């Protein structure tokens, strides 16, 4: 069981504030939580189809991290494999829940397996996932195939 209870979003405006703040690099660092990562990704999938997420989200996140005083190095900041895995998972989830409103979809995602902090460990061994190589470059999963749009 996930030790962290997800913090739901009150409405679509709260979700959009996260996504828009990420893009504009105005989101306070304290607001860049696990839930915010997922909310921003789902918002981008649904409302910003003009952004090629696998290609552009890495730079968006890395630039945001630097803008709030963070660094992107071998131990902290941007993580390529986690980002690409969550893009795939959020896209698959969004396709299955297209009828839900934005906030409802984000809150459902947070309660779903794909929203759990430990969800990536179903695809990757801990050592592989948290390696420098996986942080810097996408590495293929060693336990199960990545989620796909069915």
C-alpha atoms as a PDB file:
ATOM      1  CA  UNK A   1       0.000   0.000   0.000  1.00  0.00           C
ATOM      2  CA  UNK A   2       1.169   3.518  -0.851  1.00  0.00           C
ATOM      3  CA  UNK A   3       2.181   5.325   2.341  1.00  0.00           C
ATOM      4  CA  UNK A   4       0.988   8.648   0.917  1.00  0.00           C
ATOM      5  CA  UNK A   5      -2.689   9.443   0.552  1.00  0.00           C
ATOM      6  CA  UNK A   6      -3.247  11.353  -2.695  1.00  0.00           C
ATOM      7  CA  UNK A   7      -4.292  14.975  -2.371  1.00  0.00           C
ATOM      8  CA  UNK A   8      -7.199  15.532  -4.770  1.00  0.00           C
ATOM      9  CA  UNK A   9      -7.835  18.631  -6.855  1.00  0.00           C
ATOM     10  CA  UNK A  10     -10.906  20.744  -6.093  1.00  0.00           C
ATOM     11  CA  UNK A  11     -11.701  21.636  -9.682  1.00  0.00           C
ATOM     12  CA  UNK A  12     -10.389  21.972 -13.230  1.00  0.00           C
ATOM     13  CA  UNK A  13      -9.028  25.450 -12.494  1.00  0.00           C
ATOM     14  CA  UNK A  14      -6.724  23.974  -9.842  1.00  0.00           C
ATOM     15  CA  UNK A  15      -5.412  21.444 -12.362  1.00  0.00           C
ATOM     16  CA  UNK A  16      -4.929  24.109 -15.036  1.00  0.00           C
ATOM     17  CA  UNK A  17      -3.048  26.318 -12.542  1.00  0.00           C
ATOM     18  CA  UNK A  18      -0.517  23.506 -12.112  1.00  0.00           C
ATOM     19  CA  UNK A  19      -0.094  22.867 -15.836  1.00  0.00           C
ATOM     20  CA  UNK A  20       0.052  26.510 -16.815  1.00  0.00           C
ATOM     21  CA  UNK A  21       2.418  27.270 -13.933  1.00  0.00           C
ATOM     22  CA  UNK A  22       4.742  24.498 -15.081  1.00  0.00           C
ATOM     23  CA  UNK A  23       4.820  25.839 -18.636  1.00  0.00           C
ATOM     24  CA  UNK A  24       5.273  29.455 -17.523  1.00  0.00           C
ATOM     25  CA  UNK A  25       7.746  28.442 -14.789  1.00  0.00           C
ATOM     26  CA  UNK A  26       5.665  30.360 -12.244  1.00  0.00           C
ATOM     27  CA  UNK A  27       4.480  27.401 -10.162  1.00  0.00           C
ATOM     28  CA  UNK A  28       5.920  27.619  -6.648  1.00  0.00           C
ATOM     29  CA  UNK A  29       8.414  24.833  -5.998  1.00  0.00           C
ATOM     30  CA  UNK A  30       6.415  23.628  -2.981  1.00  0.00           C
ATOM     31  CA  UNK A  31       3.457  23.002  -5.300  1.00  0.00           C
ATOM     32  CA  UNK A  32       5.444  20.662  -7.586  1.00  0.00           C
ATOM     33  CA  UNK A  33       4.284  17.505  -5.798  1.00  0.00           C
ATOM     34  CA  UNK A  34       3.743  13.984  -7.076  1.00  0.00           C
ATOM     35  CA  UNK A  35       0.091  14.868  -7.578  1.00  0.00           C
ATOM     36  CA  UNK A  36       1.079  18.011  -9.489  1.00  0.00           C
ATOM     37  CA  UNK A  37       3.331  16.007 -11.810  1.00  0.00           C
ATOM     38  CA  UNK A  38       0.421  13.727 -12.697  1.00  0.00           C
ATOM     39  CA  UNK A  39      -2.104  16.561 -12.949  1.00  0.00           C
ATOM     40  CA  UNK A  40       0.177  18.520 -15.270  1.00  0.00           C
ATOM     41  CA  UNK A  41       0.752  15.480 -17.449  1.00  0.00           C
ATOM     42  CA  UNK A  42      -2.954  14.696 -17.761  1.00  0.00           C
ATOM     43  CA  UNK A  43      -3.736  18.355 -18.459  1.00  0.00           C
ATOM     44  CA  UNK A  44      -1.060  18.393 -21.160  1.00  0.00           C
ATOM     45  CA  UNK A  45      -2.417  15.181 -22.702  1.00  0.00           C
ATOM     46  CA  UNK A  46      -5.973  16.544 -22.771  1.00  0.00           C
ATOM     47  CA  UNK A  47      -5.594  20.250 -23.376  1.00  0.00           C
ATOM     48  CA  UNK A  48      -2.228  20.765 -25.054  1.00  0.00           C
ATOM     49  CA  UNK A  49      -2.066  18.297 -27.940  1.00  0.00           C
ATOM     50  CA  UNK A  50       0.212  20.829 -29.649  1.00  0.00           C
ATOM     51  CA  UNK A  51       3.009  19.761 -27.292  1.00  0.00           C
ATOM     52  CA  UNK A  52       4.860  16.580 -28.285  1.00  0.00           C
ATOM     53  CA  UNK A  53       5.178  15.254 -24.744  1.00  0.00           C
ATOM     54  CA  UNK A  54       7.842  12.562 -25.211  1.00  0.00           C
ATOM     55  CA  UNK A  55      10.051  15.090 -26.995  1.00  0.00           C
ATOM     56  CA  UNK A  56       9.205  18.376 -25.247  1.00  0.00           C
ATOM     57  CA  UNK A  57       8.261  17.493 -21.664  1.00  0.00           C
ATOM     58  CA  UNK A  58      11.854  16.658 -20.670  1.00  0.00           C
ATOM     59  CA  UNK A  59      12.981  20.220 -21.437  1.00  0.00           C
ATOM     60  CA  UNK A  60       9.866  21.733 -19.880  1.00  0.00           C
ATOM     61  CA  UNK A  61      10.489  19.923 -16.593  1.00  0.00           C
ATOM     62  CA  UNK A  62      14.251  20.517 -16.590  1.00  0.00           C
ATOM     63  CA  UNK A  63      13.820  24.250 -17.247  1.00  0.00           C
ATOM     64  CA  UNK A  64      11.131  24.464 -14.566  1.00  0.00           C
ATOM     65  CA  UNK A  65      13.432  22.743 -12.050  1.00  0.00           C
ATOM     66  CA  UNK A  66      16.211  25.257 -12.700  1.00  0.00           C
ATOM     67  CA  UNK A  67      13.763  28.181 -12.535  1.00  0.00           C
ATOM     68  CA  UNK A  68      12.847  27.270  -8.952  1.00  0.00           C
ATOM     69  CA  UNK A  69      16.443  26.797  -7.846  1.00  0.00           C
ATOM     70  CA  UNK A  70      16.734  23.083  -8.493  1.00  0.00           C
ATOM     71  CA  UNK A  71      19.350  21.202 -10.446  1.00  0.00           C
ATOM     72  CA  UNK A  72      19.174  18.380 -12.938  1.00  0.00           C
ATOM     73  CA  UNK A  73      22.106  16.079 -12.299  1.00  0.00           C
ATOM     74  CA  UNK A  74      22.890  12.425 -11.675  1.00  0.00           C
ATOM     75  CA  UNK A  75      20.997  12.325  -8.362  1.00  0.00           C
ATOM     76  CA  UNK A  76      18.202  14.910  -8.473  1.00  0.00           C
ATOM     77  CA  UNK A  77      15.882  16.813 -10.720  1.00  0.00           C
ATOM     78  CA  UNK A  78      14.712  15.585 -14.086  1.00  0.00           C
ATOM     79  CA  UNK A  79      14.418  11.788 -14.569  1.00  0.00           C
ATOM     80  CA  UNK A  80      13.994  10.668 -18.201  1.00  0.00           C
ATOM     81  CA  UNK A  81      12.786   7.114 -17.630  1.00  0.00           C
ATOM     82  CA  UNK A  82      10.175   8.103 -15.039  1.00  0.00           C
ATOM     83  CA  UNK A  83       8.925  10.886 -17.277  1.00  0.00           C
ATOM     84  CA  UNK A  84       8.522   8.663 -20.327  1.00  0.00           C
ATOM     85  CA  UNK A  85       6.868   5.915 -18.254  1.00  0.00           C
ATOM     86  CA  UNK A  86       4.356   8.312 -16.724  1.00  0.00           C
ATOM     87  CA  UNK A  87       3.595   9.882 -20.121  1.00  0.00           C
ATOM     88  CA  UNK A  88       2.721   6.406 -21.415  1.00  0.00           C
ATOM     89  CA  UNK A  89       0.691   5.554 -18.322  1.00  0.00           C
ATOM     90  CA  UNK A  90      -1.188   8.847 -18.224  1.00  0.00           C
ATOM     91  CA  UNK A  91      -1.986   8.662 -21.942  1.00  0.00           C
ATOM     92  CA  UNK A  92      -3.377   5.131 -21.548  1.00  0.00           C
ATOM     93  CA  UNK A  93      -5.357   6.187 -18.471  1.00  0.00           C
ATOM     94  CA  UNK A  94      -6.715   9.290 -20.225  1.00  0.00           C
ATOM     95  CA  UNK A  95      -7.881   7.217 -23.189  1.00  0.00           C
ATOM     96  CA  UNK A  96      -9.825   4.915 -20.864  1.00  0.00           C
ATOM     97  CA  UNK A  97     -11.397   7.838 -18.941  1.00  0.00           C
ATOM     98  CA  UNK A  98     -12.105  10.370 -21.686  1.00  0.00           C
ATOM     99  CA  UNK A  99     -15.694  10.934 -20.496  1.00  0.00           C
ATOM    100  CA  UNK A 100     -14.601  12.331 -17.125  1.00  0.00           C
ATOM    101  CA  UNK A 101     -14.120  16.036 -16.552  1.00  0.00           C
ATOM    102  CA  UNK A 102     -10.560  17.252 -16.048  1.00  0.00           C
ATOM    103  CA  UNK A 103     -10.522  17.375 -12.234  1.00  0.00           C
ATOM    104  CA  UNK A 104     -12.469  14.116 -11.988  1.00  0.00           C
ATOM    105  CA  UNK A 105     -10.016  12.428 -14.335  1.00  0.00           C
ATOM    106  CA  UNK A 106      -6.998  13.709 -12.407  1.00  0.00           C
ATOM    107  CA  UNK A 107      -8.496  12.602  -9.096  1.00  0.00           C
ATOM    108  CA  UNK A 108      -9.329   9.190 -10.566  1.00  0.00           C
ATOM    109  CA  UNK A 109      -5.750   8.939 -11.832  1.00  0.00           C
ATOM    110  CA  UNK A 110      -4.406   9.750  -8.375  1.00  0.00           C
ATOM    111  CA  UNK A 111      -6.507   6.903  -6.938  1.00  0.00           C
ATOM    112  CA  UNK A 112      -5.584   4.451  -9.733  1.00  0.00           C
ATOM    113  CA  UNK A 113      -2.542   2.175  -9.873  1.00  0.00           C
ATOM    114  CA  UNK A 114      -0.909   4.594 -12.380  1.00  0.00           C
ATOM    115  CA  UNK A 115      -1.104   7.349  -9.789  1.00  0.00           C
ATOM    116  CA  UNK A 116       0.788   5.512  -7.095  1.00  0.00           C
ATOM    117  CA  UNK A 117       4.326   6.578  -6.286  1.00  0.00           C
ATOM    118  CA  UNK A 118       5.451   2.943  -6.494  1.00  0.00           C
ATOM    119  CA  UNK A 119       3.710   2.234  -9.831  1.00  0.00           C
ATOM    120  CA  UNK A 120       6.997   2.389 -11.817  1.00  0.00           C
ATOM    121  CA  UNK A 121       8.373  -0.499  -9.746  1.00  0.00           C
ATOM    122  CA  UNK A 122       5.944  -2.818 -11.508  1.00  0.00           C
ATOM    123  CA  UNK A 123       7.975  -2.238 -14.676  1.00  0.00           C
ATOM    124  CA  UNK A 124      11.479  -1.681 -13.316  1.00  0.00           C
ATOM    125  CA  UNK A 125      13.692  -3.126 -10.649  1.00  0.00           C
ATOM    126  CA  UNK A 126      14.644  -0.449  -8.112  1.00  0.00           C
ATOM    127  CA  UNK A 127      18.357  -0.489  -9.040  1.00  0.00           C
ATOM    128  CA  UNK A 128      17.622  -0.119 -12.747  1.00  0.00           C
ATOM    129  CA  UNK A 129      15.003   2.615 -12.282  1.00  0.00           C
ATOM    130  CA  UNK A 130      17.093   4.713  -9.932  1.00  0.00           C
ATOM    131  CA  UNK A 131      20.343   4.362 -11.852  1.00  0.00           C
ATOM    132  CA  UNK A 132      22.134   7.354 -13.316  1.00  0.00           C
ATOM    133  CA  UNK A 133      21.552   5.873 -16.779  1.00  0.00           C
ATOM    134  CA  UNK A 134      17.756   5.771 -16.223  1.00  0.00           C
ATOM    135  CA  UNK A 135      17.771   9.338 -14.931  1.00  0.00           C
ATOM    136  CA  UNK A 136      19.742  10.637 -17.915  1.00  0.00           C
ATOM    137  CA  UNK A 137      18.318   8.427 -20.707  1.00  0.00           C
ATOM    138  CA  UNK A 138      15.299   6.265 -21.249  1.00  0.00           C
ATOM    139  CA  UNK A 139      16.023   2.655 -20.317  1.00  0.00           C
ATOM    140  CA  UNK A 140      13.743  -0.209 -21.236  1.00  0.00           C
ATOM    141  CA  UNK A 141      11.848  -1.872 -18.409  1.00  0.00           C
ATOM    142  CA  UNK A 142      13.219  -5.106 -17.017  1.00  0.00           C
ATOM    143  CA  UNK A 143      10.073  -6.470 -15.314  1.00  0.00           C
ATOM    144  CA  UNK A 144       7.065  -5.739 -17.565  1.00  0.00           C
ATOM    145  CA  UNK A 145       6.336  -3.950 -20.858  1.00  0.00           C
ATOM    146  CA  UNK A 146       5.338  -0.316 -20.840  1.00  0.00           C
ATOM    147  CA  UNK A 147       1.644   0.545 -20.945  1.00  0.00           C
ATOM    148  CA  UNK A 148       0.218   1.219 -24.387  1.00  0.00           C
ATOM    149  CA  UNK A 149      -2.946   2.687 -25.810  1.00  0.00           C
ATOM    150  CA  UNK A 150      -5.199  -0.312 -26.436  1.00  0.00           C
END
